């Protein structure tokens, strides 16, 4: 068995420095109007004809959503909030033992 390295840092959380371009995403089940949501950080966005049509976001595990599922999302930036958008989960990738990245396509209402 390998010896674990011990550090003086008692914190186990991950600390990320936000930038002006970073946003927050709230993800919830499509049919749950006021139900529970999962909060994450928006890391990538895709645009088509000046409108956002997809995004990638990082969440802390576990998540209760699956590839192929339709969800509702709220995107919050420093100057703008886009609420109650319908989205489709295209892919889910484990980043490590703590974080997962989710790719979503924003559906027309």
Protein backbone atom coordinates (compact mmCIF):
# COMPACT_ATOMS: atom_id res chain seq x y z
CA UNK A 1 0.00 0.00 0.00
CA UNK A 2 1.36 3.41 -0.92
CA UNK A 3 1.86 6.04 1.74
CA UNK A 4 -0.50 8.97 1.37
CA UNK A 5 1.12 12.37 1.26
CA UNK A 6 -0.18 14.61 3.99
CA UNK A 7 -0.33 18.36 3.64
CA UNK A 8 -1.11 21.21 5.98
CA UNK A 9 -4.04 22.22 3.75
CA UNK A 10 -7.15 20.98 5.58
CA UNK A 11 -9.51 22.01 2.76
CA UNK A 12 -10.65 19.31 0.37
CA UNK A 13 -12.65 21.56 -1.98
CA UNK A 14 -11.59 22.72 -5.41
CA UNK A 15 -11.08 26.45 -5.79
CA UNK A 16 -11.44 28.07 -9.21
CA UNK A 17 -10.79 31.73 -9.95
CA UNK A 18 -13.72 33.17 -11.92
CA UNK A 19 -13.21 35.37 -14.95
CA UNK A 20 -15.51 37.99 -16.43
CA UNK A 21 -16.62 35.46 -19.08
CA UNK A 22 -17.57 32.68 -16.68
CA UNK A 23 -21.20 32.05 -15.91
CA UNK A 24 -23.31 29.89 -13.65
CA UNK A 25 -25.81 27.31 -14.88
CA UNK A 26 -28.79 25.85 -13.06
CA UNK A 27 -29.97 22.53 -14.47
CA UNK A 28 -33.28 20.85 -13.57
CA UNK A 29 -35.59 18.17 -14.91
CA UNK A 30 -37.73 19.28 -17.85
CA UNK A 31 -41.07 18.57 -16.16
CA UNK A 32 -40.10 19.99 -12.77
CA UNK A 33 -41.14 23.65 -12.86
CA UNK A 34 -40.00 24.48 -9.35
CA UNK A 35 -38.13 21.28 -8.55
CA UNK A 36 -34.58 20.79 -7.33
CA UNK A 37 -31.72 21.93 -9.55
CA UNK A 38 -27.99 21.28 -9.91
CA UNK A 39 -25.69 24.31 -10.10
CA UNK A 40 -22.48 24.33 -12.14
CA UNK A 41 -20.01 26.54 -14.02
CA UNK A 42 -20.41 27.28 -17.72
CA UNK A 43 -17.09 26.48 -19.41
CA UNK A 44 -17.83 26.45 -23.16
CA UNK A 45 -20.47 27.94 -25.41
CA UNK A 46 -21.39 27.53 -29.05
CA UNK A 47 -23.21 30.09 -31.16
CA UNK A 48 -25.18 30.01 -34.39
CA UNK A 49 -26.22 33.25 -36.10
CA UNK A 50 -25.39 35.30 -32.96
CA UNK A 51 -27.55 33.13 -30.67
CA UNK A 52 -26.22 30.65 -28.15
CA UNK A 53 -27.17 27.14 -29.24
CA UNK A 54 -25.19 25.01 -26.84
CA UNK A 55 -22.88 24.95 -23.87
CA UNK A 56 -20.63 22.77 -21.78
CA UNK A 57 -20.76 23.03 -18.01
CA UNK A 58 -18.88 21.49 -15.12
CA UNK A 59 -20.76 20.03 -12.17
CA UNK A 60 -19.74 18.35 -8.94
CA UNK A 61 -20.68 14.65 -8.83
CA UNK A 62 -23.11 13.05 -8.48
CA UNK A 63 -25.57 14.29 -11.08
CA UNK A 64 -29.01 12.80 -11.58
CA UNK A 65 -29.29 13.57 -15.30
CA UNK A 66 -28.50 11.29 -18.24
CA UNK A 67 -27.30 11.56 -21.82
CA UNK A 68 -30.30 12.01 -24.12
CA UNK A 69 -32.48 13.63 -21.46
CA UNK A 70 -34.26 16.96 -22.01
CA UNK A 71 -33.81 19.48 -19.20
CA UNK A 72 -34.49 23.11 -18.34
CA UNK A 73 -31.55 25.42 -17.75
CA UNK A 74 -30.92 28.95 -16.52
CA UNK A 75 -27.69 30.65 -17.63
CA UNK A 76 -26.47 33.46 -15.40
CA UNK A 77 -23.70 35.86 -16.36
CA UNK A 78 -22.56 39.08 -14.70
CA UNK A 79 -24.76 41.24 -16.97
CA UNK A 80 -27.40 38.81 -18.31
CA UNK A 81 -29.62 35.93 -17.22
CA UNK A 82 -31.29 33.56 -19.69
CA UNK A 83 -34.03 31.72 -17.83
CA UNK A 84 -35.98 28.52 -18.38
CA UNK A 85 -34.32 27.42 -21.62
CA UNK A 86 -35.13 23.94 -22.89
CA UNK A 87 -31.97 21.89 -23.55
CA UNK A 88 -30.96 18.37 -24.56
CA UNK A 89 -28.02 16.62 -22.87
CA UNK A 90 -25.75 15.46 -25.71
CA UNK A 91 -22.88 13.99 -23.67
CA UNK A 92 -21.53 13.52 -20.17
CA UNK A 93 -17.80 13.06 -19.43
CA UNK A 94 -16.07 12.38 -16.15
CA UNK A 95 -13.25 14.86 -15.61
CA UNK A 96 -11.97 13.22 -12.43
CA UNK A 97 -13.37 11.59 -9.31
CA UNK A 98 -15.09 14.83 -8.26
CA UNK A 99 -16.18 16.66 -11.44
CA UNK A 100 -18.23 15.85 -14.53
CA UNK A 101 -18.64 17.92 -17.71
CA UNK A 102 -22.02 17.98 -19.46
CA UNK A 103 -22.58 19.07 -23.07
CA UNK A 104 -26.01 20.51 -23.89
CA UNK A 105 -27.80 21.64 -27.04
CA UNK A 106 -30.34 24.42 -26.50
CA UNK A 107 -33.65 23.53 -28.13
CA UNK A 108 -36.05 26.02 -29.70
CA UNK A 109 -39.18 26.59 -27.60
